[in-house]
C-alpha atoms as a PDB file:
ATOM      1  CA  MET A   1     102.553 109.427 102.668  1.00  0.00           C
ATOM      2  CA  GLU A   2     105.836 111.230 103.155  1.00  0.00           C
ATOM      3  CA  ARG A   3     105.531 110.856 106.942  1.00  0.00           C
ATOM      4  CA  VAL A   4     104.864 107.127 106.501  1.00  0.00           C
ATOM      5  CA  SER A   5     107.813 106.675 104.145  1.00  0.00           C
ATOM      6  CA  GLN A   6     110.058 108.457 106.659  1.00  0.00           C
ATOM      7  CA  GLY A   7     108.737 106.313 109.511  1.00  0.00           C
ATOM      8  CA  PHE A   8     107.070 109.125 111.453  1.00  0.00           C
ATOM      9  CA  ASP A   9     103.605 107.603 111.122  1.00  0.00           C
ATOM     10  CA  THR A  10     102.448 104.011 110.936  1.00  0.00           C
ATOM     11  CA  VAL A  11      99.596 102.870 108.735  1.00  0.00           C
ATOM     12  CA  ASP A  12      97.458  99.731 108.897  1.00  0.00           C
ATOM     13  CA  LEU A  13      96.525  98.925 105.320  1.00  0.00           C
ATOM     14  CA  ALA A  14      93.237  97.139 104.667  1.00  0.00           C
ATOM     15  CA  GLU A  15      92.926  94.698 101.773  1.00  0.00           C
ATOM     16  CA  THR A  16      90.102  96.749 100.270  1.00  0.00           C
ATOM     17  CA  THR A  17      92.336  99.827 100.303  1.00  0.00           C
ATOM     18  CA  LEU A  18      95.025  97.926  98.407  1.00  0.00           C
ATOM     19  CA  PHE A  19      92.445  96.997  95.753  1.00  0.00           C
ATOM     20  CA  GLU A  20      91.254 100.599  95.471  1.00  0.00           C
ATOM     21  CA  VAL A  21      94.769 101.989  95.136  1.00  0.00           C
ATOM     22  CA  VAL A  22      95.689  99.453  92.430  1.00  0.00           C
ATOM     23  CA  PHE A  23      92.463 100.259  90.567  1.00  0.00           C
ATOM     24  CA  THR A  24      92.948 104.038  90.855  1.00  0.00           C
ATOM     25  CA  LEU A  25      96.577 103.925  89.755  1.00  0.00           C
ATOM     26  CA  GLY A  26      95.563 102.005  86.650  1.00  0.00           C
ATOM     27  CA  ARG A  27      92.273 103.626  85.736  1.00  0.00           C
ATOM     28  CA  THR A  28      92.748 107.238  86.788  1.00  0.00           C
ATOM     29  CA  TYR A  29      96.512 107.691  86.561  1.00  0.00           C
ATOM     30  CA  LYS A  30      97.036 105.317  83.611  1.00  0.00           C
ATOM     31  CA  ARG A  31      99.984 103.559  85.268  1.00  0.00           C
ATOM     32  CA  SER A  32     101.148 100.290  83.722  1.00  0.00           C
ATOM     33  CA  LYS A  33     100.700  97.024  85.578  1.00  0.00           C
ATOM     34  CA  ALA A  34     104.478  96.775  85.986  1.00  0.00           C
ATOM     35  CA  ASN A  35     104.636 100.268  87.486  1.00  0.00           C
ATOM     36  CA  ILE A  36     101.701  99.601  89.812  1.00  0.00           C
ATOM     37  CA  ALA A  37     103.278  96.344  90.995  1.00  0.00           C
ATOM     38  CA  GLU A  38     106.584  98.121  91.640  1.00  0.00           C
ATOM     39  CA  LEU A  39     104.986 101.046  93.478  1.00  0.00           C
ATOM     40  CA  MET A  40     102.773  98.895  95.669  1.00  0.00           C
ATOM     41  CA  SER A  41     105.498  96.347  96.433  1.00  0.00           C
ATOM     42  CA  SER A  42     107.772  99.190  97.548  1.00  0.00           C
ATOM     43  CA  PHE A  43     105.005 100.689  99.658  1.00  0.00           C
ATOM     44  CA  LEU A  44     104.216  97.363 101.350  1.00  0.00           C
ATOM     45  CA  ALA A  45     107.923  96.932 102.153  1.00  0.00           C
ATOM     46  CA  LEU A  46     108.034 100.128 104.197  1.00  0.00           C
ATOM     47  CA  PRO A  47     108.568  99.317 107.895  1.00  0.00           C
ATOM     48  CA  ALA A  48     105.788 101.751 108.852  1.00  0.00           C
ATOM     49  CA  VAL A  49     103.187  99.921 106.735  1.00  0.00           C
ATOM     50  CA  ARG A  50     101.401  97.074 108.470  1.00  0.00           C
ATOM     51  CA  PHE A  51      99.639  94.652 106.182  1.00  0.00           C
ATOM     52  CA  PRO A  52      98.979  91.188 107.606  1.00  0.00           C
ATOM     53  CA  ARG A  53      98.818  89.474 104.235  1.00  0.00           C
ATOM     54  CA  GLU A  54     101.897  91.054 102.671  1.00  0.00           C
ATOM     55  CA  ARG A  55     103.238  87.821 101.179  1.00  0.00           C
ATOM     56  CA  ARG A  56      99.905  87.122  99.459  1.00  0.00           C
ATOM     57  CA  ALA A  57      99.687  90.698  98.201  1.00  0.00           C
ATOM     58  CA  LEU A  58     103.212  90.574  96.764  1.00  0.00           C
ATOM     59  CA  LEU A  59     102.406  87.336  94.951  1.00  0.00           C
ATOM     60  CA  ALA A  60      99.174  88.864  93.644  1.00  0.00           C
ATOM     61  CA  LEU A  61     101.029  91.944  92.407  1.00  0.00           C
ATOM     62  CA  ASP A  62     103.511  89.720  90.598  1.00  0.00           C
ATOM     63  CA  LEU A  63     100.708  87.676  88.994  1.00  0.00           C
ATOM     64  CA  PHE A  64      98.902  90.897  88.077  1.00  0.00           C
ATOM     65  CA  LYS A  65     102.012  92.126  86.286  1.00  0.00           C
ATOM     66  CA  GLN A  66     103.055  88.827  84.662  1.00  0.00           C
ATOM     67  CA  SER A  67      99.730  87.228  83.693  1.00  0.00           C
ATOM     68  CA  ASN A  68      97.805  90.194  82.263  1.00  0.00           C
ATOM     69  CA  ILE A  69      94.818  89.641  84.546  1.00  0.00           C
ATOM     70  CA  SER A  70      92.860  91.904  86.852  1.00  0.00           C
ATOM     71  CA  PHE A  71      94.197  92.494  90.336  1.00  0.00           C
ATOM     72  CA  ALA A  72      91.096  90.838  91.808  1.00  0.00           C
ATOM     73  CA  ASP A  73      91.794  87.674  89.802  1.00  0.00           C
ATOM     74  CA  ALA A  74      95.475  87.834  90.716  1.00  0.00           C
ATOM     75  CA  TYR A  75      94.623  88.107  94.416  1.00  0.00           C
ATOM     76  CA  LEU A  76      92.224  85.180  94.177  1.00  0.00           C
ATOM     77  CA  ALA A  77      94.921  83.152  92.381  1.00  0.00           C
ATOM     78  CA  ALA A  78      97.444  84.010  95.096  1.00  0.00           C
ATOM     79  CA  LEU A  79      94.957  82.872  97.713  1.00  0.00           C
ATOM     80  CA  ALA A  80      94.425  79.601  95.825  1.00  0.00           C
ATOM     81  CA  LEU A  81      98.170  79.052  95.455  1.00  0.00           C
ATOM     82  CA  GLU A  82      98.480  79.307  99.235  1.00  0.00           C
ATOM     83  CA  SER A  83      96.146  76.326  99.567  1.00  0.00           C
ATOM     84  CA  ASP A  84      95.349  73.670  96.965  1.00  0.00           C
ATOM     85  CA  GLY A  85      95.708  75.720  93.778  1.00  0.00           C
ATOM     86  CA  GLN A  86      92.086  75.253  92.769  1.00  0.00           C
ATOM     87  CA  VAL A  87      89.772  78.045  91.643  1.00  0.00           C
ATOM     88  CA  PHE A  88      86.103  77.500  90.904  1.00  0.00           C
ATOM     89  CA  SER A  89      85.356  79.952  88.116  1.00  0.00           C
ATOM     90  CA  PHE A  90      84.025  80.376  84.607  1.00  0.00           C
ATOM     91  CA  ASP A  91      86.843  82.891  83.999  1.00  0.00           C
ATOM     92  CA  ARG A  92      89.405  81.355  81.638  1.00  0.00           C
ATOM     93  CA  ASP A  93      92.021  83.904  82.702  1.00  0.00           C
ATOM     94  CA  PHE A  94      92.934  81.493  85.486  1.00  0.00           C
ATOM     95  CA  ASP A  95      94.012  78.924  82.878  1.00  0.00           C
ATOM     96  CA  ARG A  96      97.070  81.101  82.128  1.00  0.00           C
ATOM     97  CA  ILE A  97      98.404  81.014  85.681  1.00  0.00           C
ATOM     98  CA  PRO A  98     100.936  78.268  86.474  1.00  0.00           C
ATOM     99  CA  GLY A  99      99.925  76.206  89.487  1.00  0.00           C
ATOM    100  CA  ILE A 100      96.221  77.039  89.194  1.00  0.00           C
ATOM    101  CA  THR A 101      93.631  74.459  88.282  1.00  0.00           C
ATOM    102  CA  ARG A 102      90.393  76.087  87.198  1.00  0.00           C
ATOM    103  CA  ILE A 103      87.238  74.111  87.836  1.00  0.00           C
ATOM    104  CA  GLU A 104      84.059  75.227  86.137  1.00  0.00           C
ATOM    105  CA  PRO A 105      81.173  75.363  88.611  1.00  0.00           C
END
């Protein structure tokens, strides 16, 4: 990680890896959602980190922090906000997210 932060190595970050890191920081290391969002946003901003969906991930991290929802739900909400804002789900957590219209299947 130090070599990446100093620009010596480049890393291609997979979406699944982002999910795992967010989960591990919260569950194992007991980091707050605000701290996780800050850490991951800073990591994604490093020039040596390549992540093709950075804008979506940053929005998801913000929703994760602000809306008190899981990162998976936040990522799905970010994806929906990039299109028509609709989410088909029984999960009422989506009702708390501005711009999202939840449709029960």
